[in-house]
Amino acid sequence: MATTRRGRPPSYNRTAALEQALALFWDRGYESTSIAELTAAMGIGAPSLYAAFGSKRELFDEVVALYSETYRAFMATALAEEPTLKAGIERMLREAAAAYTLPGHPHGCLVISGATNCSSPEVQQTLRGLRDTGVGQLEQLIKAAIDAGELAEDADAGTLALSVSVLMQGMAHQARDGTERRELEAVAALGVQAWPWAAS
């Protein structure tokens, strides 16, 4: 006797489904995105979603990993490829302005806005951890730049690294409010100019 197969449809594409979930979480945040909205966007039923990803939280973790590998990768690339810290930070902030206002995508940054009005401590901790890791890595680069004489020797690496995080969070929120890329780039440029760069 034939049985009806339940679960995900044969046409199910996991990567495409993740991209749809990413767009939804990016636009609405974790808390405001419902399972019904996710299944509708991903083109699968709730049983398929749970079978493939485990839970809404586990799906969100995969989405954040995908986002970090794609839309957020510009940060590490800019700092690694430029010959000086100043050039790296200037490029990172320019590319942040572009990423936060990318046409065809929600504005802002998923890692910054994803936990807005979120009651899940685990989600908040995950996103905070990503941001804190970035600040810590930047602080080490700044310390190296101080040792190399690119910054004043009395510069505070921790404060400077945190200032970049604060600036990027502000840029992301402004982008969601409709601020244009060129305006964000101008603000970012002012932020870099204020650093205690050593005289050349």
N, C-alpha and C. Protein backbone atom coordinates (compact mmCIF):
# COMPACT_ATOMS: atom_id res chain seq x y z
N MET A 1 0.85 -1.20 0.00
CA MET A 1 0.00 0.00 0.00
C MET A 1 0.88 1.25 0.00
N ALA A 2 0.63 2.13 -0.92
CA ALA A 2 1.47 3.32 -1.05
C ALA A 2 1.24 4.26 0.11
N THR A 3 2.30 4.90 0.54
CA THR A 3 2.21 5.88 1.62
C THR A 3 2.51 7.26 1.07
N THR A 4 1.91 8.24 1.67
CA THR A 4 2.15 9.62 1.26
C THR A 4 3.38 10.15 1.97
N ARG A 5 4.33 10.64 1.22
CA ARG A 5 5.55 11.18 1.80
C ARG A 5 5.29 12.56 2.36
N ARG A 6 5.65 12.74 3.61
CA ARG A 6 5.48 14.05 4.22
C ARG A 6 6.85 14.68 4.44
N GLY A 7 6.83 15.94 4.75
CA GLY A 7 8.09 16.64 4.98
C GLY A 7 8.37 17.58 3.84
N ARG A 8 9.65 17.82 3.59
CA ARG A 8 9.99 18.83 2.60
C ARG A 8 9.70 18.34 1.19
N PRO A 9 9.33 19.23 0.30
CA PRO A 9 9.01 18.85 -1.07
C PRO A 9 10.28 18.50 -1.84
N PRO A 10 10.16 17.72 -2.95
CA PRO A 10 11.35 17.35 -3.72
C PRO A 10 12.11 18.55 -4.25
N SER A 11 11.44 19.66 -4.47
CA SER A 11 12.09 20.83 -5.03
C SER A 11 12.80 21.68 -3.98
N TYR A 12 12.78 21.21 -2.76
CA TYR A 12 13.37 21.96 -1.66
C TYR A 12 14.84 22.25 -1.92
N ASN A 13 15.24 23.50 -1.77
CA ASN A 13 16.62 23.92 -1.94
C ASN A 13 17.06 24.59 -0.64
N ARG A 14 17.91 23.92 0.10
CA ARG A 14 18.26 24.40 1.44
C ARG A 14 18.93 25.77 1.41
N THR A 15 19.85 25.96 0.46
CA THR A 15 20.56 27.24 0.37
C THR A 15 19.59 28.38 0.05
N ALA A 16 18.69 28.14 -0.90
CA ALA A 16 17.71 29.17 -1.25
C ALA A 16 16.78 29.46 -0.09
N ALA A 17 16.40 28.41 0.63
CA ALA A 17 15.53 28.59 1.80
C ALA A 17 16.23 29.42 2.87
N LEU A 18 17.51 29.17 3.08
CA LEU A 18 18.27 29.95 4.06
C LEU A 18 18.35 31.42 3.67
N GLU A 19 18.54 31.67 2.37
CA GLU A 19 18.59 33.05 1.88
C GLU A 19 17.27 33.77 2.15
N GLN A 20 16.16 33.08 1.97
CA GLN A 20 14.86 33.68 2.24
C GLN A 20 14.68 33.96 3.73
N ALA A 21 15.13 33.03 4.56
CA ALA A 21 15.06 33.24 6.01
C ALA A 21 15.95 34.40 6.42
N LEU A 22 17.11 34.49 5.80
CA LEU A 22 18.04 35.58 6.11
C LEU A 22 17.39 36.94 5.83
N ALA A 23 16.78 37.07 4.67
CA ALA A 23 16.14 38.33 4.31
C ALA A 23 15.06 38.71 5.31
N LEU A 24 14.31 37.71 5.76
CA LEU A 24 13.21 37.98 6.69
C LEU A 24 13.73 38.38 8.07
N PHE A 25 14.69 37.65 8.60
CA PHE A 25 15.27 38.00 9.90
C PHE A 25 15.98 39.36 9.83
N TRP A 26 16.65 39.62 8.73
CA TRP A 26 17.36 40.88 8.54
C TRP A 26 16.38 42.05 8.56
N ASP A 27 15.26 41.86 7.95
CA ASP A 27 14.26 42.92 7.86
C ASP A 27 13.48 43.10 9.16
N ARG A 28 13.10 42.00 9.81
CA ARG A 28 12.17 42.06 10.93
C ARG A 28 12.80 41.79 12.30
N GLY A 29 14.00 41.22 12.32
CA GLY A 29 14.60 40.83 13.59
C GLY A 29 14.14 39.44 14.01
N TYR A 30 14.75 38.91 15.04
CA TYR A 30 14.44 37.55 15.47
C TYR A 30 13.04 37.45 16.07
N GLU A 31 12.75 38.31 17.02
CA GLU A 31 11.51 38.20 17.79
C GLU A 31 10.27 38.38 16.92
N SER A 32 10.33 39.33 16.01
CA SER A 32 9.14 39.68 15.22
C SER A 32 8.89 38.75 14.05
N THR A 33 9.80 37.83 13.79
CA THR A 33 9.64 36.91 12.68
C THR A 33 9.00 35.62 13.17
N SER A 34 7.84 35.29 12.62
CA SER A 34 7.11 34.10 13.07
C SER A 34 7.45 32.88 12.23
N ILE A 35 7.16 31.71 12.76
CA ILE A 35 7.35 30.47 12.01
C ILE A 35 6.49 30.49 10.75
N ALA A 36 5.27 30.99 10.86
CA ALA A 36 4.39 31.06 9.69
C ALA A 36 5.00 31.91 8.58
N GLU A 37 5.60 33.03 8.95
CA GLU A 37 6.23 33.90 7.95
C GLU A 37 7.45 33.22 7.35
N LEU A 38 8.21 32.51 8.18
CA LEU A 38 9.40 31.82 7.69
C LEU A 38 9.03 30.72 6.70
N THR A 39 8.04 29.90 7.05
CA THR A 39 7.67 28.81 6.15
C THR A 39 7.11 29.34 4.84
N ALA A 40 6.36 30.45 4.90
CA ALA A 40 5.82 31.04 3.68
C ALA A 40 6.95 31.56 2.79
N ALA A 41 7.93 32.23 3.40
CA ALA A 41 9.04 32.79 2.63
C ALA A 41 9.96 31.70 2.08
N MET A 42 10.16 30.65 2.88
CA MET A 42 11.09 29.58 2.50
C MET A 42 10.45 28.54 1.59
N GLY A 43 9.12 28.56 1.49
CA GLY A 43 8.43 27.63 0.62
C GLY A 43 8.40 26.21 1.15
N ILE A 44 8.38 26.06 2.48
CA ILE A 44 8.32 24.73 3.09
C ILE A 44 7.30 24.76 4.23
N GLY A 45 6.87 23.60 4.66
CA GLY A 45 5.95 23.51 5.78
C GLY A 45 6.70 23.52 7.10
N ALA A 46 5.96 23.74 8.17
CA ALA A 46 6.58 23.76 9.49
C ALA A 46 7.31 22.46 9.82
N PRO A 47 6.73 21.28 9.51
CA PRO A 47 7.46 20.03 9.80
C PRO A 47 8.80 19.97 9.07
N SER A 48 8.83 20.46 7.84
CA SER A 48 10.07 20.46 7.07
C SER A 48 11.10 21.40 7.68
N LEU A 49 10.62 22.56 8.14
CA LEU A 49 11.53 23.51 8.76
C LEU A 49 12.18 22.89 10.00
N TYR A 50 11.36 22.28 10.85
CA TYR A 50 11.90 21.68 12.06
C TYR A 50 12.81 20.50 11.74
N ALA A 51 12.46 19.74 10.72
CA ALA A 51 13.28 18.59 10.34
C ALA A 51 14.64 19.03 9.80
N ALA A 52 14.65 20.13 9.06
CA ALA A 52 15.88 20.59 8.41
C ALA A 52 16.76 21.41 9.34
N PHE A 53 16.14 22.21 10.21
CA PHE A 53 16.92 23.17 10.99
C PHE A 53 16.81 22.97 12.51
N GLY A 54 15.84 22.20 12.97
CA GLY A 54 15.71 21.92 14.40
C GLY A 54 14.75 22.83 15.12
N SER A 55 14.93 24.12 14.98
CA SER A 55 14.08 25.09 15.67
C SER A 55 14.30 26.46 15.05
N LYS A 56 13.45 27.39 15.42
CA LYS A 56 13.62 28.77 14.94
C LYS A 56 14.97 29.32 15.37
N ARG A 57 15.38 29.04 16.60
CA ARG A 57 16.66 29.52 17.10
C ARG A 57 17.82 28.93 16.31
N GLU A 58 17.77 27.65 16.04
CA GLU A 58 18.85 27.01 15.28
C GLU A 58 18.88 27.51 13.84
N LEU A 59 17.72 27.76 13.28
CA LEU A 59 17.66 28.37 11.95
C LEU A 59 18.31 29.74 11.97
N PHE A 60 18.01 30.52 12.99
CA PHE A 60 18.59 31.86 13.10
C PHE A 60 20.11 31.78 13.20
N ASP A 61 20.63 30.81 13.95
CA ASP A 61 22.08 30.65 14.07
C ASP A 61 22.71 30.39 12.69
N GLU A 62 22.05 29.56 11.88
CA GLU A 62 22.57 29.30 10.54
C GLU A 62 22.50 30.55 9.67
N VAL A 63 21.43 31.29 9.83
CA VAL A 63 21.28 32.54 9.08
C VAL A 63 22.38 33.53 9.44
N VAL A 64 22.67 33.65 10.72
CA VAL A 64 23.72 34.58 11.17
C VAL A 64 25.08 34.14 10.63
N ALA A 65 25.34 32.84 10.61
CA ALA A 65 26.60 32.34 10.06
C ALA A 65 26.70 32.67 8.57
N LEU A 66 25.60 32.47 7.83
CA LEU A 66 25.58 32.79 6.41
C LEU A 66 25.77 34.29 6.19
N TYR A 67 25.10 35.09 6.99
CA TYR A 67 25.22 36.54 6.88
C TYR A 67 26.67 36.98 7.12
N SER A 68 27.30 36.39 8.14
CA SER A 68 28.68 36.76 8.49
C SER A 68 29.65 36.39 7.38
N GLU A 69 29.38 35.28 6.69
CA GLU A 69 30.26 34.82 5.62
C GLU A 69 30.08 35.61 4.33
N THR A 70 28.97 36.26 4.19
CA THR A 70 28.67 36.96 2.94
C THR A 70 28.61 38.47 3.13
N TYR A 71 27.54 38.96 3.72
CA TYR A 71 27.30 40.40 3.80
C TYR A 71 28.18 41.11 4.84
N ARG A 72 28.83 40.37 5.72
CA ARG A 72 29.65 40.99 6.77
C ARG A 72 31.14 40.72 6.58
N ALA A 73 31.48 39.96 5.57
CA ALA A 73 32.87 39.56 5.36
C ALA A 73 33.77 40.73 4.96
N PHE A 74 33.18 41.81 4.48
CA PHE A 74 33.96 42.96 4.02
C PHE A 74 34.84 43.54 5.12
N MET A 75 34.43 43.39 6.38
CA MET A 75 35.19 44.01 7.47
C MET A 75 36.58 43.40 7.61
N ALA A 76 36.64 42.09 7.74
CA ALA A 76 37.93 41.41 7.87
C ALA A 76 38.77 41.58 6.61
N THR A 77 38.12 41.55 5.45
CA THR A 77 38.84 41.69 4.19
C THR A 77 39.51 43.05 4.07
N ALA A 78 38.78 44.10 4.43
CA ALA A 78 39.33 45.46 4.34
C ALA A 78 40.55 45.62 5.24
N LEU A 79 40.45 45.13 6.46
CA LEU A 79 41.55 45.28 7.41
C LEU A 79 42.76 44.44 7.02
N ALA A 80 42.50 43.30 6.38
CA ALA A 80 43.61 42.41 6.00
C ALA A 80 44.31 42.86 4.73
N GLU A 81 43.58 43.47 3.80
CA GLU A 81 44.15 43.76 2.49
C GLU A 81 44.82 45.12 2.39
N GLU A 82 44.44 46.07 3.23
CA GLU A 82 45.03 47.41 3.12
C GLU A 82 46.39 47.46 3.81
N PRO A 83 47.31 48.29 3.30
CA PRO A 83 48.68 48.31 3.83
C PRO A 83 48.83 48.97 5.19
N THR A 84 47.88 49.83 5.56
CA THR A 84 47.94 50.49 6.86
C THR A 84 46.61 50.34 7.59
N LEU A 85 46.64 50.53 8.90
CA LEU A 85 45.40 50.46 9.68
C LEU A 85 44.44 51.55 9.25
N LYS A 86 44.95 52.75 9.03
CA LYS A 86 44.07 53.85 8.64
C LYS A 86 43.35 53.55 7.34
N ALA A 87 44.08 53.05 6.36
CA ALA A 87 43.46 52.71 5.08
C ALA A 87 42.45 51.59 5.25
N GLY A 88 42.77 50.63 6.12
CA GLY A 88 41.86 49.52 6.36
C GLY A 88 40.56 49.97 7.02
N ILE A 89 40.66 50.84 8.00
CA ILE A 89 39.46 51.31 8.69
C ILE A 89 38.63 52.21 7.77
N GLU A 90 39.30 53.07 7.01
CA GLU A 90 38.57 53.92 6.06
C GLU A 90 37.80 53.06 5.05
N ARG A 91 38.46 52.04 4.54
CA ARG A 91 37.79 51.16 3.57
C ARG A 91 36.65 50.39 4.24
N MET A 92 36.88 49.88 5.45
CA MET A 92 35.86 49.12 6.14
C MET A 92 34.60 49.96 6.37
N LEU A 93 34.79 51.21 6.76
CA LEU A 93 33.64 52.07 7.02
C LEU A 93 32.93 52.48 5.73
N ARG A 94 33.70 52.70 4.66
CA ARG A 94 33.07 53.00 3.36
C ARG A 94 32.23 51.81 2.91
N GLU A 95 32.79 50.63 3.06
CA GLU A 95 32.07 49.44 2.62
C GLU A 95 30.90 49.12 3.55
N ALA A 96 31.00 49.52 4.81
CA ALA A 96 29.87 49.38 5.72
C ALA A 96 28.72 50.26 5.25
N ALA A 97 29.04 51.49 4.86
CA ALA A 97 28.00 52.40 4.35
C ALA A 97 27.31 51.80 3.13
N ALA A 98 28.10 51.14 2.27
CA ALA A 98 27.52 50.50 1.09
C ALA A 98 26.68 49.29 1.47
N ALA A 99 27.21 48.47 2.39
CA ALA A 99 26.50 47.24 2.79
C ALA A 99 25.19 47.56 3.50
N TYR A 100 25.19 48.60 4.31
CA TYR A 100 24.00 48.94 5.09
C TYR A 100 22.90 49.58 4.25
N THR A 101 23.25 50.01 3.04
CA THR A 101 22.26 50.64 2.14
C THR A 101 22.14 49.86 0.83
N LEU A 102 22.48 48.60 0.85
CA LEU A 102 22.53 47.77 -0.35
C LEU A 102 21.15 47.69 -1.01
N PRO A 103 21.03 48.08 -2.27
CA PRO A 103 19.73 47.99 -2.96
C PRO A 103 19.25 46.54 -3.04
N GLY A 104 17.97 46.35 -2.87
CA GLY A 104 17.41 45.01 -2.97
C GLY A 104 17.51 44.19 -1.70
N HIS A 105 18.05 44.78 -0.64
CA HIS A 105 18.17 44.08 0.64
C HIS A 105 17.68 45.00 1.76
N PRO A 106 17.32 44.42 2.90
CA PRO A 106 16.96 45.28 4.04
C PRO A 106 18.15 46.17 4.41
N HIS A 107 17.88 47.35 4.85
CA HIS A 107 18.96 48.26 5.24
C HIS A 107 19.41 47.95 6.67
N GLY A 108 20.63 48.39 6.97
CA GLY A 108 21.20 48.13 8.29
C GLY A 108 21.98 46.84 8.32
N CYS A 109 22.20 46.32 9.52
CA CYS A 109 23.03 45.14 9.74
C CYS A 109 22.28 44.13 10.59
N LEU A 110 22.20 42.89 10.14
CA LEU A 110 21.49 41.85 10.87
C LEU A 110 22.09 41.63 12.26
N VAL A 111 23.42 41.67 12.36
CA VAL A 111 24.07 41.41 13.64
C VAL A 111 23.78 42.52 14.65
N ILE A 112 23.51 43.71 14.16
CA ILE A 112 23.21 44.85 15.03
C ILE A 112 21.72 44.93 15.35
N SER A 113 20.88 44.72 14.35
CA SER A 113 19.44 44.92 14.55
C SER A 113 18.67 43.63 14.83
N GLY A 114 19.31 42.48 14.66
CA GLY A 114 18.60 41.21 14.78
C GLY A 114 17.97 40.97 16.13
N ALA A 115 18.58 41.51 17.20
CA ALA A 115 18.06 41.27 18.55
C ALA A 115 17.22 42.42 19.08
N THR A 116 16.84 43.35 18.21
CA THR A 116 16.01 44.47 18.64
C THR A 116 14.69 43.96 19.22
N ASN A 117 14.36 44.43 20.40
CA ASN A 117 13.12 44.03 21.09
C ASN A 117 13.01 42.51 21.24
N CYS A 118 14.16 41.86 21.42
CA CYS A 118 14.20 40.40 21.52
C CYS A 118 14.23 39.97 22.98
N SER A 119 13.38 39.01 23.31
CA SER A 119 13.31 38.54 24.69
C SER A 119 14.17 37.29 24.92
N SER A 120 14.88 36.84 23.90
CA SER A 120 15.73 35.65 24.02
C SER A 120 17.14 36.03 24.44
N PRO A 121 17.55 35.72 25.67
CA PRO A 121 18.92 36.02 26.10
C PRO A 121 19.96 35.32 25.23
N GLU A 122 19.63 34.12 24.74
CA GLU A 122 20.58 33.37 23.93
C GLU A 122 20.87 34.08 22.61
N VAL A 123 19.82 34.59 21.97
CA VAL A 123 20.00 35.32 20.72
C VAL A 123 20.78 36.61 20.97
N GLN A 124 20.43 37.33 22.01
CA GLN A 124 21.14 38.55 22.35
C GLN A 124 22.62 38.26 22.60
N GLN A 125 22.89 37.18 23.31
CA GLN A 125 24.27 36.82 23.63
C GLN A 125 25.05 36.44 22.37
N THR A 126 24.41 35.71 21.48
CA THR A 126 25.07 35.31 20.23
C THR A 126 25.51 36.53 19.42
N LEU A 127 24.59 37.47 19.25
CA LEU A 127 24.90 38.65 18.45
C LEU A 127 25.88 39.56 19.16
N ARG A 128 25.73 39.69 20.47
CA ARG A 128 26.69 40.49 21.23
C ARG A 128 28.09 39.88 21.16
N GLY A 129 28.14 38.56 21.18
CA GLY A 129 29.42 37.88 21.09
C GLY A 129 30.13 38.16 19.78
N LEU A 130 29.38 38.18 18.69
CA LEU A 130 29.97 38.51 17.39
C LEU A 130 30.52 39.93 17.38
N ARG A 131 29.75 40.85 17.93
CA ARG A 131 30.21 42.24 17.96
C ARG A 131 31.43 42.39 18.85
N ASP A 132 31.40 41.74 20.01
CA ASP A 132 32.54 41.84 20.93
C ASP A 132 33.80 41.23 20.35
N THR A 133 33.64 40.14 19.62
CA THR A 133 34.79 39.51 18.97
C THR A 133 35.43 40.47 17.98
N GLY A 134 34.59 41.15 17.21
CA GLY A 134 35.11 42.11 16.25
C GLY A 134 35.86 43.25 16.92
N VAL A 135 35.33 43.74 18.03
CA VAL A 135 35.99 44.82 18.76
C VAL A 135 37.34 44.33 19.30
N GLY A 136 37.37 43.12 19.83
CA GLY A 136 38.61 42.58 20.37
C GLY A 136 39.67 42.41 19.30
N GLN A 137 39.28 41.93 18.13
CA GLN A 137 40.24 41.76 17.05
C GLN A 137 40.77 43.10 16.56
N LEU A 138 39.89 44.09 16.48
CA LEU A 138 40.32 45.42 16.05
C LEU A 138 41.26 46.04 17.08
N GLU A 139 40.98 45.80 18.35
CA GLU A 139 41.85 46.34 19.40
C GLU A 139 43.28 45.81 19.25
N GLN A 140 43.41 44.54 18.90
CA GLN A 140 44.75 43.98 18.71
C GLN A 140 45.46 44.63 17.52
N LEU A 141 44.72 44.90 16.45
CA LEU A 141 45.31 45.57 15.29
C LEU A 141 45.74 47.00 15.64
N ILE A 142 44.93 47.66 16.46
CA ILE A 142 45.27 49.03 16.86
C ILE A 142 46.53 49.03 17.73
N LYS A 143 46.63 48.07 18.62
CA LYS A 143 47.84 47.98 19.45
C LYS A 143 49.08 47.78 18.59
N ALA A 144 48.95 46.96 17.55
CA ALA A 144 50.07 46.74 16.65
C ALA A 144 50.42 48.03 15.89
N ALA A 145 49.39 48.80 15.52
CA ALA A 145 49.62 50.06 14.81
C ALA A 145 50.29 51.08 15.73
N ILE A 146 49.95 51.07 17.01
CA ILE A 146 50.61 51.95 17.97
C ILE A 146 52.08 51.58 18.08
N ASP A 147 52.35 50.29 18.20
CA ASP A 147 53.74 49.82 18.30
C ASP A 147 54.53 50.16 17.05
N ALA A 148 53.84 50.18 15.89
CA ALA A 148 54.51 50.47 14.63
C ALA A 148 54.66 51.97 14.37
N GLY A 149 54.09 52.79 15.25
CA GLY A 149 54.22 54.23 15.10
C GLY A 149 53.17 54.86 14.21
N GLU A 150 52.14 54.12 13.82
CA GLU A 150 51.10 54.71 12.98
C GLU A 150 50.15 55.57 13.79
N LEU A 151 50.00 55.25 15.06
CA LEU A 151 49.18 56.03 15.98
C LEU A 151 50.05 56.56 17.11
N ALA A 152 49.56 57.61 17.76
CA ALA A 152 50.29 58.17 18.90
C ALA A 152 50.51 57.09 19.95
N GLU A 153 51.66 57.10 20.59
CA GLU A 153 52.01 56.02 21.51
C GLU A 153 51.14 55.99 22.76
N ASP A 154 50.47 57.12 23.06
CA ASP A 154 49.57 57.13 24.22
C ASP A 154 48.11 56.89 23.82
N ALA A 155 47.87 56.47 22.59
CA ALA A 155 46.51 56.19 22.13
C ALA A 155 45.94 55.01 22.91
N ASP A 156 44.65 55.07 23.19
CA ASP A 156 43.97 54.00 23.93
C ASP A 156 43.32 53.04 22.92
N ALA A 157 43.94 51.88 22.75
CA ALA A 157 43.47 50.93 21.75
C ALA A 157 42.04 50.46 22.01
N GLY A 158 41.71 50.21 23.27
CA GLY A 158 40.37 49.73 23.61
C GLY A 158 39.30 50.75 23.28
N THR A 159 39.55 52.00 23.62
CA THR A 159 38.58 53.06 23.34
C THR A 159 38.41 53.28 21.84
N LEU A 160 39.51 53.25 21.10
CA LEU A 160 39.43 53.44 19.66
C LEU A 160 38.66 52.30 18.99
N ALA A 161 38.91 51.07 19.42
CA ALA A 161 38.19 49.93 18.85
C ALA A 161 36.70 50.04 19.15
N LEU A 162 36.38 50.42 20.37
CA LEU A 162 34.97 50.57 20.74
C LEU A 162 34.32 51.70 19.95
N SER A 163 35.07 52.75 19.67
CA SER A 163 34.50 53.88 18.91
C SER A 163 34.10 53.45 17.51
N VAL A 164 34.84 52.53 16.91
CA VAL A 164 34.48 52.02 15.59
C VAL A 164 33.18 51.23 15.67
N SER A 165 33.06 50.41 16.71
CA SER A 165 31.83 49.63 16.90
C SER A 165 30.63 50.55 17.08
N VAL A 166 30.79 51.57 17.91
CA VAL A 166 29.70 52.52 18.15
C VAL A 166 29.33 53.24 16.85
N LEU A 167 30.34 53.63 16.08
CA LEU A 167 30.09 54.33 14.82
C LEU A 167 29.34 53.43 13.84
N MET A 168 29.76 52.18 13.75
CA MET A 168 29.11 51.27 12.81
C MET A 168 27.68 50.94 13.23
N GLN A 169 27.47 50.81 14.53
CA GLN A 169 26.10 50.58 15.00
C GLN A 169 25.21 51.77 14.68
N GLY A 170 25.75 52.96 14.88
CA GLY A 170 24.99 54.17 14.54
C GLY A 170 24.70 54.26 13.06
N MET A 171 25.68 53.91 12.23
CA MET A 171 25.49 53.93 10.78
C MET A 171 24.40 52.94 10.37
N ALA A 172 24.42 51.76 11.01
CA ALA A 172 23.42 50.74 10.67
C ALA A 172 22.01 51.21 11.02
N HIS A 173 21.87 51.81 12.19
CA HIS A 173 20.55 52.31 12.60
C HIS A 173 20.09 53.46 11.70
N GLN A 174 21.02 54.34 11.34
CA GLN A 174 20.67 55.45 10.45
C GLN A 174 20.26 54.94 9.07
N ALA A 175 20.92 53.89 8.62
CA ALA A 175 20.56 53.31 7.32
C ALA A 175 19.13 52.79 7.34
N ARG A 176 18.74 52.17 8.44
CA ARG A 176 17.36 51.68 8.55
C ARG A 176 16.37 52.84 8.59
N ASP A 177 16.82 54.00 9.04
CA ASP A 177 15.96 55.17 9.07
C ASP A 177 15.93 55.92 7.73
N GLY A 178 16.72 55.42 6.76
CA GLY A 178 16.68 56.03 5.43
C GLY A 178 17.85 56.91 5.07
N THR A 179 18.85 57.01 5.93
CA THR A 179 20.03 57.82 5.60
C THR A 179 20.75 57.21 4.41
N GLU A 180 21.17 58.05 3.47
CA GLU A 180 21.77 57.57 2.24
C GLU A 180 23.24 57.22 2.43
N ARG A 181 23.73 56.42 1.50
CA ARG A 181 25.11 55.92 1.57
C ARG A 181 26.12 57.07 1.65
N ARG A 182 25.98 58.09 0.81
CA ARG A 182 26.96 59.17 0.78
C ARG A 182 27.00 59.92 2.11
N GLU A 183 25.87 60.01 2.78
CA GLU A 183 25.83 60.67 4.08
C GLU A 183 26.55 59.84 5.13
N LEU A 184 26.34 58.53 5.07
CA LEU A 184 27.03 57.64 6.01
C LEU A 184 28.54 57.66 5.77
N GLU A 185 28.94 57.72 4.51
CA GLU A 185 30.37 57.79 4.19
C GLU A 185 31.00 59.07 4.74
N ALA A 186 30.28 60.18 4.67
CA ALA A 186 30.79 61.45 5.19
C ALA A 186 30.98 61.39 6.70
N VAL A 187 30.02 60.80 7.39
CA VAL A 187 30.12 60.65 8.85
C VAL A 187 31.29 59.74 9.21
N ALA A 188 31.44 58.66 8.47
CA ALA A 188 32.53 57.71 8.73
C ALA A 188 33.89 58.39 8.55
N ALA A 189 34.00 59.21 7.52
CA ALA A 189 35.27 59.90 7.26
C ALA A 189 35.64 60.82 8.42
N LEU A 190 34.66 61.51 8.97
CA LEU A 190 34.93 62.38 10.11
C LEU A 190 35.41 61.57 11.31
N GLY A 191 34.81 60.40 11.50
CA GLY A 191 35.20 59.56 12.62
C GLY A 191 36.66 59.14 12.55
N VAL A 192 37.14 58.81 11.36
CA VAL A 192 38.53 58.38 11.20
C VAL A 192 39.48 59.55 11.37
N GLN A 193 39.09 60.72 10.89
CA GLN A 193 39.96 61.90 11.01
C GLN A 193 40.24 62.26 12.46
N ALA A 194 39.31 61.93 13.34
CA ALA A 194 39.46 62.31 14.75
C ALA A 194 40.46 61.43 15.50
N TRP A 195 40.94 60.37 14.89
CA TRP A 195 41.87 59.47 15.57
C TRP A 195 43.24 60.14 15.77
N PRO A 196 43.98 59.76 16.79
CA PRO A 196 45.31 60.36 17.04
C PRO A 196 46.40 59.73 16.17
N TRP A 197 46.27 59.95 14.85
CA TRP A 197 47.27 59.41 13.96
C TRP A 197 48.60 60.12 14.15
N ALA A 198 49.67 59.38 14.08
CA ALA A 198 51.00 59.98 14.24
C ALA A 198 51.32 60.84 13.02
N ALA A 199 52.08 61.90 13.25
CA ALA A 199 52.45 62.79 12.15
C ALA A 199 53.33 62.04 11.17
N SER A 200 53.04 62.21 9.88
CA SER A 200 53.83 61.49 8.87
C SER A 200 55.11 62.25 8.56
